[in-house]
N, C-alpha and C. Protein backbone atom coordinates (compact mmCIF):
# COMPACT_ATOMS: atom_id res chain seq x y z
N MET A 1 0.82 -1.21 0.00
CA MET A 1 0.00 0.00 0.00
C MET A 1 0.86 1.27 0.00
N PRO A 2 1.88 1.33 0.83
CA PRO A 2 2.72 2.54 0.77
C PRO A 2 3.35 2.72 -0.59
N GLY A 3 3.75 1.60 -1.24
CA GLY A 3 4.34 1.72 -2.58
C GLY A 3 3.33 2.22 -3.59
N MET A 4 2.06 1.77 -3.47
CA MET A 4 1.00 2.22 -4.37
C MET A 4 0.76 3.72 -4.21
N GLN A 5 0.73 4.20 -2.98
CA GLN A 5 0.48 5.63 -2.75
C GLN A 5 1.63 6.46 -3.30
N ARG A 6 2.85 6.01 -3.14
CA ARG A 6 3.98 6.77 -3.69
C ARG A 6 3.89 6.88 -5.20
N ASN A 7 3.56 5.77 -5.86
CA ASN A 7 3.46 5.81 -7.31
C ASN A 7 2.35 6.76 -7.76
N GLN A 8 1.24 6.76 -7.03
CA GLN A 8 0.15 7.66 -7.43
C GLN A 8 0.58 9.11 -7.27
N HIS A 9 1.26 9.39 -6.15
CA HIS A 9 1.71 10.77 -5.95
C HIS A 9 2.73 11.17 -7.01
N GLN A 10 3.62 10.29 -7.35
CA GLN A 10 4.63 10.61 -8.37
C GLN A 10 3.98 10.77 -9.73
N GLY A 11 2.93 10.03 -9.99
CA GLY A 11 2.27 10.15 -11.28
C GLY A 11 1.46 11.42 -11.39
N ASN A 12 0.92 11.91 -10.28
CA ASN A 12 0.09 13.11 -10.33
C ASN A 12 0.92 14.37 -10.38
N ARG A 13 2.08 14.35 -9.76
CA ARG A 13 2.88 15.57 -9.71
C ARG A 13 3.36 16.05 -11.08
N PRO A 14 3.93 15.20 -11.90
CA PRO A 14 4.39 15.70 -13.21
C PRO A 14 3.27 16.22 -14.06
N ASP A 15 2.10 15.50 -14.04
CA ASP A 15 1.00 15.96 -14.90
C ASP A 15 0.49 17.31 -14.43
N GLY A 16 0.23 17.42 -13.11
CA GLY A 16 -0.27 18.69 -12.60
C GLY A 16 0.74 19.81 -12.77
N GLY A 17 2.01 19.50 -12.52
CA GLY A 17 3.05 20.53 -12.63
C GLY A 17 3.20 21.02 -14.05
N GLN A 18 3.17 20.09 -15.01
CA GLN A 18 3.32 20.49 -16.41
C GLN A 18 2.15 21.34 -16.87
N GLY A 19 0.95 20.97 -16.42
CA GLY A 19 -0.22 21.74 -16.84
C GLY A 19 -0.16 23.17 -16.33
N GLN A 20 0.24 23.36 -15.08
CA GLN A 20 0.31 24.70 -14.53
C GLN A 20 1.44 25.49 -15.18
N GLN A 21 2.58 24.84 -15.37
CA GLN A 21 3.69 25.56 -16.00
C GLN A 21 3.39 25.90 -17.44
N GLY A 22 2.75 24.98 -18.13
CA GLY A 22 2.43 25.24 -19.54
C GLY A 22 1.47 26.41 -19.68
N GLY A 23 0.45 26.42 -18.78
CA GLY A 23 -0.50 27.53 -18.85
C GLY A 23 0.16 28.85 -18.54
N GLY A 24 1.08 28.85 -17.55
CA GLY A 24 1.76 30.09 -17.21
C GLY A 24 2.63 30.59 -18.34
N ARG A 25 3.30 29.65 -19.03
CA ARG A 25 4.15 30.06 -20.16
C ARG A 25 3.32 30.65 -21.29
N GLY A 26 2.19 30.03 -21.56
CA GLY A 26 1.35 30.53 -22.66
C GLY A 26 0.83 31.92 -22.36
N GLN A 27 0.40 32.15 -21.11
CA GLN A 27 -0.09 33.46 -20.75
C GLN A 27 1.04 34.48 -20.77
N GLY A 28 2.22 34.06 -20.32
CA GLY A 28 3.34 34.99 -20.32
C GLY A 28 3.73 35.42 -21.72
N ARG A 29 3.68 34.49 -22.66
CA ARG A 29 4.04 34.86 -24.04
C ARG A 29 3.01 35.80 -24.65
N GLY A 30 1.75 35.51 -24.40
CA GLY A 30 0.71 36.36 -24.98
C GLY A 30 0.76 37.77 -24.42
N GLY A 31 0.94 37.90 -23.07
CA GLY A 31 1.01 39.22 -22.47
C GLY A 31 2.27 39.96 -22.85
N GLY A 32 3.37 39.20 -23.01
CA GLY A 32 4.63 39.85 -23.34
C GLY A 32 4.61 40.49 -24.72
N GLY A 33 3.84 39.91 -25.65
CA GLY A 33 3.78 40.49 -26.99
C GLY A 33 3.18 41.88 -26.98
N ASP A 34 2.08 42.07 -26.19
CA ASP A 34 1.46 43.39 -26.11
C ASP A 34 2.38 44.39 -25.42
N ARG A 35 3.09 43.89 -24.41
CA ARG A 35 3.99 44.79 -23.70
C ARG A 35 5.15 45.24 -24.57
N GLN A 36 5.59 44.37 -25.47
CA GLN A 36 6.71 44.73 -26.33
C GLN A 36 6.28 45.70 -27.41
N ARG A 37 5.01 45.64 -27.82
CA ARG A 37 4.57 46.55 -28.88
C ARG A 37 4.48 47.99 -28.39
N ARG A 38 4.01 48.17 -27.15
CA ARG A 38 3.85 49.53 -26.65
C ARG A 38 5.17 50.28 -26.55
N PRO A 39 6.24 49.71 -26.01
CA PRO A 39 7.52 50.43 -26.02
C PRO A 39 8.02 50.74 -27.42
N ARG A 40 7.75 49.84 -28.38
CA ARG A 40 8.18 50.11 -29.76
C ARG A 40 7.45 51.31 -30.32
N GLU A 41 6.14 51.41 -30.08
CA GLU A 41 5.38 52.55 -30.57
C GLU A 41 5.88 53.84 -29.92
N ARG A 42 6.17 53.79 -28.63
CA ARG A 42 6.70 54.98 -27.96
C ARG A 42 8.06 55.36 -28.51
N ASP A 43 8.91 54.37 -28.80
CA ASP A 43 10.23 54.67 -29.36
C ASP A 43 10.11 55.32 -30.72
N GLU A 44 9.14 54.86 -31.55
CA GLU A 44 8.94 55.47 -32.86
C GLU A 44 8.49 56.92 -32.73
N GLU A 45 7.59 57.20 -31.77
CA GLU A 45 7.16 58.58 -31.57
C GLU A 45 8.31 59.45 -31.10
N ARG A 46 9.17 58.92 -30.24
CA ARG A 46 10.30 59.69 -29.77
C ARG A 46 11.29 59.98 -30.88
N GLU A 47 11.46 59.03 -31.80
CA GLU A 47 12.38 59.24 -32.91
C GLU A 47 11.86 60.34 -33.85
N GLN A 48 10.54 60.47 -33.99
CA GLN A 48 9.98 61.47 -34.87
C GLN A 48 10.08 62.86 -34.28
N LEU A 49 10.10 63.00 -32.96
CA LEU A 49 10.15 64.30 -32.31
C LEU A 49 11.59 64.67 -31.95
N ASP A 50 11.82 65.99 -31.92
CA ASP A 50 13.13 66.54 -31.57
C ASP A 50 13.12 66.85 -30.07
N GLU A 51 13.84 66.07 -29.30
CA GLU A 51 13.86 66.22 -27.84
C GLU A 51 15.22 66.78 -27.41
N ARG A 52 15.18 67.85 -26.61
CA ARG A 52 16.42 68.50 -26.19
C ARG A 52 16.37 68.76 -24.68
N VAL A 53 17.40 68.33 -24.01
CA VAL A 53 17.55 68.60 -22.57
C VAL A 53 18.23 69.97 -22.44
N VAL A 54 17.48 70.95 -22.00
CA VAL A 54 17.99 72.32 -21.95
C VAL A 54 18.85 72.53 -20.71
N HIS A 55 18.40 72.00 -19.58
CA HIS A 55 19.13 72.29 -18.34
C HIS A 55 18.84 71.21 -17.31
N VAL A 56 19.85 70.86 -16.52
CA VAL A 56 19.71 69.94 -15.41
C VAL A 56 20.36 70.60 -14.19
N ALA A 57 19.58 70.77 -13.13
CA ALA A 57 20.07 71.42 -11.93
C ALA A 57 19.89 70.51 -10.72
N ARG A 58 20.79 70.60 -9.79
CA ARG A 58 20.68 69.82 -8.55
C ARG A 58 20.04 70.68 -7.47
N THR A 59 19.02 70.16 -6.84
CA THR A 59 18.31 70.87 -5.79
C THR A 59 18.48 70.12 -4.48
N SER A 60 18.30 70.82 -3.36
CA SER A 60 18.42 70.20 -2.05
C SER A 60 17.27 70.65 -1.16
N LYS A 61 16.85 69.77 -0.29
CA LYS A 61 15.77 70.05 0.65
C LYS A 61 16.25 69.66 2.05
N VAL A 62 16.15 70.60 2.98
CA VAL A 62 16.63 70.37 4.34
C VAL A 62 15.54 69.65 5.14
N LEU A 63 15.85 68.48 5.63
CA LEU A 63 14.94 67.69 6.44
C LEU A 63 15.51 67.49 7.85
N LYS A 64 14.78 66.77 8.67
CA LYS A 64 15.21 66.55 10.05
C LYS A 64 16.50 65.75 10.11
N GLY A 65 16.65 64.78 9.23
CA GLY A 65 17.85 63.95 9.23
C GLY A 65 19.00 64.51 8.43
N GLY A 66 18.80 65.64 7.77
CA GLY A 66 19.86 66.23 6.94
C GLY A 66 19.30 66.72 5.62
N ARG A 67 20.14 66.86 4.63
CA ARG A 67 19.73 67.36 3.32
C ARG A 67 19.37 66.19 2.41
N ARG A 68 18.35 66.42 1.60
CA ARG A 68 17.97 65.44 0.58
C ARG A 68 18.16 66.08 -0.78
N PHE A 69 19.02 65.51 -1.60
CA PHE A 69 19.34 66.06 -2.91
C PHE A 69 18.46 65.43 -3.98
N ALA A 70 18.10 66.24 -4.96
CA ALA A 70 17.32 65.77 -6.10
C ALA A 70 17.78 66.55 -7.34
N PHE A 71 17.21 66.21 -8.48
CA PHE A 71 17.58 66.85 -9.74
C PHE A 71 16.33 67.38 -10.45
N ARG A 72 16.50 68.53 -11.08
CA ARG A 72 15.42 69.15 -11.86
C ARG A 72 15.88 69.29 -13.30
N ALA A 73 15.09 68.75 -14.22
CA ALA A 73 15.45 68.78 -15.65
C ALA A 73 14.41 69.59 -16.43
N VAL A 74 14.90 70.37 -17.38
CA VAL A 74 14.05 71.14 -18.29
C VAL A 74 14.25 70.58 -19.69
N VAL A 75 13.17 70.08 -20.30
CA VAL A 75 13.25 69.42 -21.61
C VAL A 75 12.31 70.12 -22.57
N VAL A 76 12.78 70.33 -23.80
CA VAL A 76 11.97 70.92 -24.87
C VAL A 76 11.77 69.85 -25.95
N VAL A 77 10.54 69.68 -26.40
CA VAL A 77 10.19 68.68 -27.41
C VAL A 77 9.43 69.37 -28.53
N GLY A 78 9.82 69.11 -29.79
CA GLY A 78 9.14 69.68 -30.95
C GLY A 78 9.21 68.74 -32.13
N ASP A 79 8.36 69.00 -33.12
CA ASP A 79 8.33 68.17 -34.33
C ASP A 79 9.01 68.85 -35.51
N ASN A 80 9.61 70.03 -35.29
CA ASN A 80 10.27 70.80 -36.36
C ASN A 80 9.30 71.24 -37.45
N HIS A 81 8.01 71.21 -37.17
CA HIS A 81 7.00 71.64 -38.15
C HIS A 81 5.92 72.50 -37.50
N GLY A 82 6.30 73.26 -36.48
CA GLY A 82 5.35 74.21 -35.91
C GLY A 82 4.73 73.80 -34.60
N GLN A 83 5.11 72.68 -34.02
CA GLN A 83 4.59 72.27 -32.72
C GLN A 83 5.75 72.09 -31.75
N VAL A 84 5.57 72.63 -30.55
CA VAL A 84 6.65 72.57 -29.56
C VAL A 84 6.02 72.64 -28.16
N GLY A 85 6.73 72.06 -27.20
CA GLY A 85 6.30 72.09 -25.81
C GLY A 85 7.50 71.89 -24.90
N PHE A 86 7.34 72.29 -23.64
CA PHE A 86 8.43 72.09 -22.68
C PHE A 86 7.84 71.58 -21.37
N GLY A 87 8.69 70.89 -20.60
CA GLY A 87 8.27 70.32 -19.34
C GLY A 87 9.40 70.33 -18.34
N VAL A 88 9.02 70.29 -17.08
CA VAL A 88 9.97 70.27 -15.97
C VAL A 88 9.73 68.99 -15.17
N GLY A 89 10.81 68.26 -14.88
CA GLY A 89 10.71 67.03 -14.12
C GLY A 89 11.68 67.02 -12.96
N LYS A 90 11.23 66.49 -11.83
CA LYS A 90 12.07 66.40 -10.63
C LYS A 90 12.12 64.95 -10.16
N ALA A 91 13.31 64.49 -9.78
CA ALA A 91 13.48 63.12 -9.30
C ALA A 91 14.81 63.01 -8.57
N ARG A 92 15.00 61.87 -7.92
CA ARG A 92 16.25 61.64 -7.19
C ARG A 92 17.40 61.31 -8.14
N GLU A 93 17.08 60.85 -9.35
CA GLU A 93 18.10 60.51 -10.36
C GLU A 93 17.85 61.33 -11.62
N VAL A 94 18.93 61.60 -12.36
CA VAL A 94 18.84 62.42 -13.57
C VAL A 94 17.99 61.76 -14.65
N PRO A 95 18.15 60.47 -14.97
CA PRO A 95 17.31 59.86 -16.02
C PRO A 95 15.82 59.92 -15.72
N ASP A 96 15.44 59.74 -14.45
CA ASP A 96 14.03 59.82 -14.09
C ASP A 96 13.50 61.24 -14.24
N ALA A 97 14.33 62.22 -13.88
CA ALA A 97 13.91 63.61 -14.03
C ALA A 97 13.72 63.98 -15.50
N VAL A 98 14.63 63.51 -16.36
CA VAL A 98 14.52 63.79 -17.80
C VAL A 98 13.30 63.10 -18.39
N ARG A 99 13.03 61.88 -17.96
CA ARG A 99 11.86 61.15 -18.46
C ARG A 99 10.56 61.86 -18.08
N LYS A 100 10.44 62.30 -16.84
CA LYS A 100 9.24 63.02 -16.40
C LYS A 100 9.06 64.32 -17.19
N ALA A 101 10.16 65.06 -17.36
CA ALA A 101 10.08 66.32 -18.11
C ALA A 101 9.68 66.08 -19.56
N SER A 102 10.21 65.01 -20.16
CA SER A 102 9.87 64.70 -21.55
C SER A 102 8.40 64.34 -21.70
N GLU A 103 7.86 63.56 -20.77
CA GLU A 103 6.45 63.20 -20.84
C GLU A 103 5.55 64.43 -20.69
N ARG A 104 5.90 65.32 -19.79
CA ARG A 104 5.11 66.54 -19.62
C ARG A 104 5.20 67.45 -20.83
N ALA A 105 6.39 67.51 -21.44
CA ALA A 105 6.54 68.34 -22.63
C ALA A 105 5.70 67.80 -23.79
N ARG A 106 5.65 66.49 -23.96
CA ARG A 106 4.86 65.90 -25.05
C ARG A 106 3.36 66.11 -24.84
N SER A 107 2.93 66.15 -23.58
CA SER A 107 1.51 66.33 -23.31
C SER A 107 1.09 67.80 -23.35
N HIS A 108 2.04 68.73 -23.46
CA HIS A 108 1.72 70.16 -23.48
C HIS A 108 2.26 70.83 -24.75
N MET A 109 2.28 70.12 -25.85
CA MET A 109 2.76 70.71 -27.11
C MET A 109 1.70 71.64 -27.69
N LYS A 110 2.18 72.76 -28.28
CA LYS A 110 1.28 73.77 -28.83
C LYS A 110 1.68 74.09 -30.27
N LYS A 111 0.72 74.58 -31.01
CA LYS A 111 0.94 74.98 -32.40
C LYS A 111 1.45 76.41 -32.45
N VAL A 112 2.50 76.64 -33.22
CA VAL A 112 3.11 77.95 -33.35
C VAL A 112 2.81 78.51 -34.73
N PRO A 113 2.14 79.68 -34.85
CA PRO A 113 1.91 80.29 -36.18
C PRO A 113 3.22 80.68 -36.83
N MET A 114 3.35 80.37 -38.11
CA MET A 114 4.58 80.67 -38.84
C MET A 114 4.26 81.30 -40.18
N ALA A 115 5.22 82.06 -40.69
CA ALA A 115 5.14 82.67 -42.02
C ALA A 115 6.39 82.25 -42.78
N GLY A 116 6.30 81.15 -43.50
CA GLY A 116 7.48 80.60 -44.16
C GLY A 116 8.40 79.96 -43.14
N THR A 117 9.63 80.46 -43.06
CA THR A 117 10.60 79.93 -42.10
C THR A 117 10.77 80.83 -40.89
N THR A 118 9.91 81.83 -40.73
CA THR A 118 10.02 82.77 -39.62
C THR A 118 8.65 82.95 -38.98
N ILE A 119 8.53 83.93 -38.09
CA ILE A 119 7.25 84.21 -37.43
C ILE A 119 6.55 85.37 -38.15
N PRO A 120 5.24 85.50 -38.02
CA PRO A 120 4.52 86.52 -38.80
C PRO A 120 4.73 87.95 -38.31
N HIS A 121 5.03 88.17 -37.04
CA HIS A 121 5.16 89.54 -36.53
C HIS A 121 6.01 89.53 -35.26
N ILE A 122 6.28 90.71 -34.73
CA ILE A 122 7.07 90.85 -33.51
C ILE A 122 6.23 90.38 -32.32
N ALA A 123 6.89 89.73 -31.38
CA ALA A 123 6.21 89.25 -30.18
C ALA A 123 7.11 89.42 -28.98
N MET A 124 6.49 89.69 -27.83
CA MET A 124 7.22 89.90 -26.58
C MET A 124 6.60 89.02 -25.51
N GLY A 125 7.43 88.36 -24.73
CA GLY A 125 6.95 87.51 -23.65
C GLY A 125 7.79 87.69 -22.41
N ASP A 126 7.14 87.62 -21.25
CA ASP A 126 7.87 87.75 -20.00
C ASP A 126 7.35 86.73 -19.00
N PHE A 127 8.27 86.22 -18.20
CA PHE A 127 7.94 85.27 -17.14
C PHE A 127 8.86 85.55 -15.98
N SER A 128 8.28 85.87 -14.83
CA SER A 128 9.06 86.27 -13.67
C SER A 128 9.92 87.49 -14.05
N ALA A 129 11.23 87.42 -13.91
CA ALA A 129 12.09 88.56 -14.24
C ALA A 129 12.73 88.44 -15.61
N ALA A 130 12.34 87.46 -16.41
CA ALA A 130 12.93 87.25 -17.74
C ALA A 130 12.00 87.81 -18.81
N LYS A 131 12.58 88.44 -19.81
CA LYS A 131 11.84 88.98 -20.95
C LYS A 131 12.52 88.53 -22.24
N VAL A 132 11.72 88.14 -23.23
CA VAL A 132 12.25 87.66 -24.50
C VAL A 132 11.51 88.37 -25.63
N LEU A 133 12.27 88.94 -26.55
CA LEU A 133 11.72 89.62 -27.72
C LEU A 133 12.02 88.79 -28.96
N LEU A 134 11.01 88.57 -29.78
CA LEU A 134 11.14 87.81 -31.03
C LEU A 134 10.80 88.72 -32.20
N ARG A 135 11.68 88.73 -33.21
CA ARG A 135 11.46 89.55 -34.42
C ARG A 135 11.60 88.66 -35.65
N PRO A 136 10.71 88.79 -36.63
CA PRO A 136 10.85 88.00 -37.86
C PRO A 136 12.09 88.43 -38.64
N ALA A 137 12.66 87.49 -39.39
CA ALA A 137 13.87 87.75 -40.17
C ALA A 137 13.72 87.14 -41.55
N SER A 138 14.46 87.71 -42.52
CA SER A 138 14.39 87.25 -43.91
C SER A 138 15.10 85.90 -44.05
N PRO A 139 14.79 85.15 -45.11
CA PRO A 139 15.43 83.84 -45.32
C PRO A 139 16.95 83.97 -45.42
N GLY A 140 17.64 83.06 -44.78
CA GLY A 140 19.09 83.06 -44.76
C GLY A 140 19.69 83.69 -43.52
N THR A 141 18.87 84.30 -42.68
CA THR A 141 19.38 84.94 -41.47
C THR A 141 19.82 83.91 -40.44
N GLY A 142 19.04 82.86 -40.28
CA GLY A 142 19.34 81.86 -39.28
C GLY A 142 18.68 82.20 -37.95
N VAL A 143 18.93 81.37 -36.97
CA VAL A 143 18.37 81.58 -35.63
C VAL A 143 19.40 82.34 -34.80
N ILE A 144 19.15 83.64 -34.60
CA ILE A 144 20.03 84.48 -33.81
C ILE A 144 19.51 84.46 -32.38
N ALA A 145 19.95 83.47 -31.63
CA ALA A 145 19.49 83.29 -30.26
C ALA A 145 20.50 82.41 -29.54
N GLY A 146 20.35 82.33 -28.24
CA GLY A 146 21.25 81.51 -27.46
C GLY A 146 20.53 80.85 -26.30
N GLY A 147 21.16 79.83 -25.74
CA GLY A 147 20.60 79.17 -24.57
C GLY A 147 19.28 78.49 -24.84
N GLY A 148 18.36 78.68 -23.89
CA GLY A 148 17.06 78.03 -24.00
C GLY A 148 16.21 78.56 -25.13
N VAL A 149 16.41 79.82 -25.53
CA VAL A 149 15.60 80.39 -26.61
C VAL A 149 15.88 79.66 -27.92
N ARG A 150 17.13 79.39 -28.21
CA ARG A 150 17.49 78.67 -29.44
C ARG A 150 16.90 77.27 -29.46
N ALA A 151 16.96 76.57 -28.34
CA ALA A 151 16.41 75.22 -28.28
C ALA A 151 14.92 75.20 -28.58
N VAL A 152 14.19 76.16 -28.05
CA VAL A 152 12.75 76.22 -28.28
C VAL A 152 12.44 76.52 -29.74
N LEU A 153 13.11 77.51 -30.31
CA LEU A 153 12.81 77.93 -31.68
C LEU A 153 13.20 76.86 -32.69
N GLU A 154 14.35 76.23 -32.50
CA GLU A 154 14.76 75.19 -33.44
C GLU A 154 13.87 73.96 -33.35
N ALA A 155 13.44 73.61 -32.15
CA ALA A 155 12.54 72.47 -32.01
C ALA A 155 11.18 72.76 -32.64
N ALA A 156 10.78 74.03 -32.66
CA ALA A 156 9.50 74.41 -33.29
C ALA A 156 9.59 74.44 -34.80
N GLY A 157 10.79 74.46 -35.36
CA GLY A 157 10.94 74.49 -36.82
C GLY A 157 11.17 75.87 -37.38
N ILE A 158 11.43 76.86 -36.54
CA ILE A 158 11.71 78.23 -37.01
C ILE A 158 13.17 78.31 -37.42
N ARG A 159 13.43 78.75 -38.63
CA ARG A 159 14.79 78.75 -39.17
C ARG A 159 15.40 80.15 -39.30
N ASP A 160 14.57 81.19 -39.33
CA ASP A 160 15.07 82.56 -39.49
C ASP A 160 14.35 83.46 -38.50
N ILE A 161 15.12 84.02 -37.53
CA ILE A 161 14.50 84.85 -36.51
C ILE A 161 15.57 85.61 -35.75
N LEU A 162 15.20 86.79 -35.26
CA LEU A 162 16.07 87.60 -34.41
C LEU A 162 15.45 87.64 -33.02
N THR A 163 16.28 87.50 -31.99
CA THR A 163 15.77 87.46 -30.63
C THR A 163 16.63 88.34 -29.73
N LYS A 164 16.04 88.71 -28.61
CA LYS A 164 16.75 89.47 -27.57
C LYS A 164 16.21 89.04 -26.22
N SER A 165 17.11 88.59 -25.34
CA SER A 165 16.73 88.17 -24.00
C SER A 165 17.19 89.21 -23.01
N GLN A 166 16.27 89.66 -22.15
CA GLN A 166 16.57 90.70 -21.18
C GLN A 166 16.16 90.24 -19.79
N GLY A 167 16.75 90.87 -18.79
CA GLY A 167 16.38 90.56 -17.41
C GLY A 167 17.10 89.33 -16.90
N SER A 168 16.34 88.44 -16.25
CA SER A 168 16.93 87.27 -15.62
C SER A 168 17.54 86.32 -16.64
N ALA A 169 18.64 85.69 -16.24
CA ALA A 169 19.30 84.70 -17.10
C ALA A 169 18.97 83.28 -16.68
N ASN A 170 18.02 83.12 -15.76
CA ASN A 170 17.60 81.79 -15.34
C ASN A 170 17.01 81.04 -16.53
N ILE A 171 17.55 79.86 -16.82
CA ILE A 171 17.17 79.15 -18.04
C ILE A 171 15.69 78.77 -18.02
N LEU A 172 15.19 78.33 -16.88
CA LEU A 172 13.78 77.95 -16.81
C LEU A 172 12.87 79.15 -17.08
N ASN A 173 13.21 80.31 -16.50
CA ASN A 173 12.41 81.52 -16.74
C ASN A 173 12.51 81.98 -18.19
N VAL A 174 13.70 81.85 -18.78
CA VAL A 174 13.89 82.27 -20.18
C VAL A 174 13.07 81.38 -21.11
N VAL A 175 13.07 80.07 -20.87
CA VAL A 175 12.28 79.16 -21.70
C VAL A 175 10.79 79.46 -21.56
N ALA A 176 10.34 79.70 -20.33
CA ALA A 176 8.93 80.02 -20.12
C ALA A 176 8.56 81.35 -20.78
N ALA A 177 9.46 82.34 -20.73
CA ALA A 177 9.19 83.61 -21.40
C ALA A 177 9.14 83.45 -22.92
N THR A 178 9.96 82.58 -23.45
CA THR A 178 9.93 82.31 -24.89
C THR A 178 8.59 81.72 -25.30
N PHE A 179 8.05 80.81 -24.50
CA PHE A 179 6.75 80.24 -24.81
C PHE A 179 5.64 81.27 -24.66
N LYS A 180 5.78 82.21 -23.74
CA LYS A 180 4.80 83.28 -23.61
C LYS A 180 4.81 84.14 -24.89
N ALA A 181 6.00 84.38 -25.43
CA ALA A 181 6.10 85.15 -26.67
C ALA A 181 5.49 84.38 -27.84
N LEU A 182 5.72 83.08 -27.91
CA LEU A 182 5.13 82.27 -28.98
C LEU A 182 3.61 82.20 -28.85
N ASP A 183 3.10 82.20 -27.62
CA ASP A 183 1.65 82.20 -27.42
C ASP A 183 1.02 83.51 -27.89
N ALA A 184 1.80 84.60 -27.88
CA ALA A 184 1.28 85.89 -28.31
C ALA A 184 1.20 86.02 -29.83
N LEU A 185 1.79 85.09 -30.57
CA LEU A 185 1.72 85.14 -32.04
C LEU A 185 0.31 84.83 -32.53
N LYS A 186 -0.09 85.50 -33.60
CA LYS A 186 -1.41 85.31 -34.18
C LYS A 186 -1.28 84.74 -35.59
N ASP A 187 -2.22 83.91 -35.96
CA ASP A 187 -2.21 83.31 -37.29
C ASP A 187 -2.56 84.38 -38.33
N PRO A 188 -1.73 84.59 -39.37
CA PRO A 188 -2.02 85.63 -40.36
C PRO A 188 -3.37 85.46 -41.05
N GLU A 189 -3.75 84.23 -41.37
CA GLU A 189 -5.02 84.01 -42.06
C GLU A 189 -6.21 84.38 -41.18
N GLU A 190 -6.18 83.95 -39.93
CA GLU A 190 -7.29 84.29 -39.03
C GLU A 190 -7.35 85.79 -38.75
N GLU A 191 -6.20 86.42 -38.58
CA GLU A 191 -6.17 87.86 -38.32
C GLU A 191 -6.63 88.64 -39.55
N ALA A 192 -6.29 88.15 -40.75
CA ALA A 192 -6.73 88.83 -41.97
C ALA A 192 -8.25 88.76 -42.11
N LYS A 193 -8.84 87.62 -41.79
CA LYS A 193 -10.30 87.51 -41.83
C LYS A 193 -10.96 88.45 -40.82
N ARG A 194 -10.37 88.56 -39.64
CA ARG A 194 -10.95 89.41 -38.62
C ARG A 194 -10.89 90.88 -39.00
N ARG A 195 -9.78 91.28 -39.65
CA ARG A 195 -9.63 92.68 -40.05
C ARG A 195 -10.24 92.98 -41.41
N GLY A 196 -10.54 91.94 -42.19
CA GLY A 196 -11.06 92.17 -43.53
C GLY A 196 -10.00 92.65 -44.50
N ARG A 197 -8.78 92.18 -44.36
CA ARG A 197 -7.67 92.57 -45.22
C ARG A 197 -7.04 91.34 -45.83
N PRO A 198 -6.28 91.49 -46.92
CA PRO A 198 -5.61 90.33 -47.51
C PRO A 198 -4.51 89.81 -46.61
N VAL A 199 -4.21 88.54 -46.77
CA VAL A 199 -3.18 87.92 -45.93
C VAL A 199 -1.82 88.53 -46.19
N GLU A 200 -1.54 88.92 -47.44
CA GLU A 200 -0.24 89.48 -47.78
C GLU A 200 0.05 90.76 -47.00
N ALA A 201 -1.00 91.48 -46.61
CA ALA A 201 -0.79 92.74 -45.90
C ALA A 201 -0.33 92.53 -44.47
N LEU A 202 -0.47 91.32 -43.95
CA LEU A 202 -0.11 91.04 -42.56
C LEU A 202 1.12 90.15 -42.44
N THR A 203 1.81 89.92 -43.54
CA THR A 203 3.03 89.12 -43.52
C THR A 203 4.24 90.03 -43.70
N PRO A 204 5.45 89.59 -43.34
CA PRO A 204 6.65 90.41 -43.54
C PRO A 204 6.81 90.86 -44.99
N HIS A 205 7.42 92.01 -45.17
CA HIS A 205 7.46 92.63 -46.50
C HIS A 205 8.25 91.80 -47.51
N TRP A 206 9.25 91.03 -47.06
CA TRP A 206 10.02 90.23 -48.02
C TRP A 206 9.22 89.06 -48.57
N LEU A 207 8.08 88.75 -47.95
CA LEU A 207 7.22 87.68 -48.46
C LEU A 207 6.14 88.20 -49.40
N ARG A 208 6.06 89.52 -49.56
CA ARG A 208 5.03 90.09 -50.43
C ARG A 208 5.60 91.05 -51.46
N GLY A 209 6.87 90.89 -51.82
CA GLY A 209 7.43 91.67 -52.91
C GLY A 209 8.30 92.82 -52.50
N GLY A 210 8.68 92.94 -51.24
CA GLY A 210 9.60 93.98 -50.83
C GLY A 210 8.88 95.19 -50.25
N LYS A 211 9.65 96.21 -49.91
CA LYS A 211 9.10 97.41 -49.29
C LYS A 211 8.25 98.23 -50.26
N ASP A 212 8.54 98.16 -51.57
CA ASP A 212 7.74 98.91 -52.54
C ASP A 212 6.29 98.46 -52.51
N ALA A 213 6.10 97.12 -52.47
CA ALA A 213 4.73 96.62 -52.41
C ALA A 213 4.05 97.01 -51.11
N GLU A 214 4.82 97.10 -50.03
CA GLU A 214 4.22 97.51 -48.75
C GLU A 214 3.78 98.97 -48.81
N GLN A 215 4.57 99.84 -49.45
CA GLN A 215 4.21 101.25 -49.54
C GLN A 215 2.98 101.45 -50.44
N GLN A 216 2.86 100.64 -51.49
CA GLN A 216 1.70 100.77 -52.37
C GLN A 216 0.41 100.37 -51.66
N GLN A 217 0.48 99.41 -50.76
CA GLN A 217 -0.71 98.98 -50.03
C GLN A 217 -1.04 100.00 -48.92
């Protein structure tokens, strides 16, 4: 009898064990396929967008047990075709801070009105003590800017522009002021409809035949 019971137990264990393991493997393979597709889709989206880490700063917080250090990252994301956004991320490690900032920048992307390779008109933006002035420029001028302003404009797809940064040199404030200036831009077509004028009258003079054509209008 003891020998019979041992054989029964030995015969049941492999069958039951294989069935449970087989089911677990099948479920693991099926779930793993969906999980692998999502990172691939995210990687493709990231490859299409222009992501730039503008600034990484180390911050500290005084607690009862001492200081706790963390990192703050400022990331600008754009598609080089008129859409751009920025985000700020904080974490104990630099990669986590950059990842958080990138996700926030992608979720807050905005459309920037453009006239060819430049902006349609002069715009001014301020944030805290930083002020940024944007002026349209003729083709071939390039992006005359530095620091965070250049990163924002190039990620947005603007190729010809003149800028001036005044006041605070804090990179986060400068980037935020640049976005305030971009938010102040108006679409030439919508503004022309509102004023009842042709679109050419609201675009830079080099896009409508030079200063002579501007004087005639």
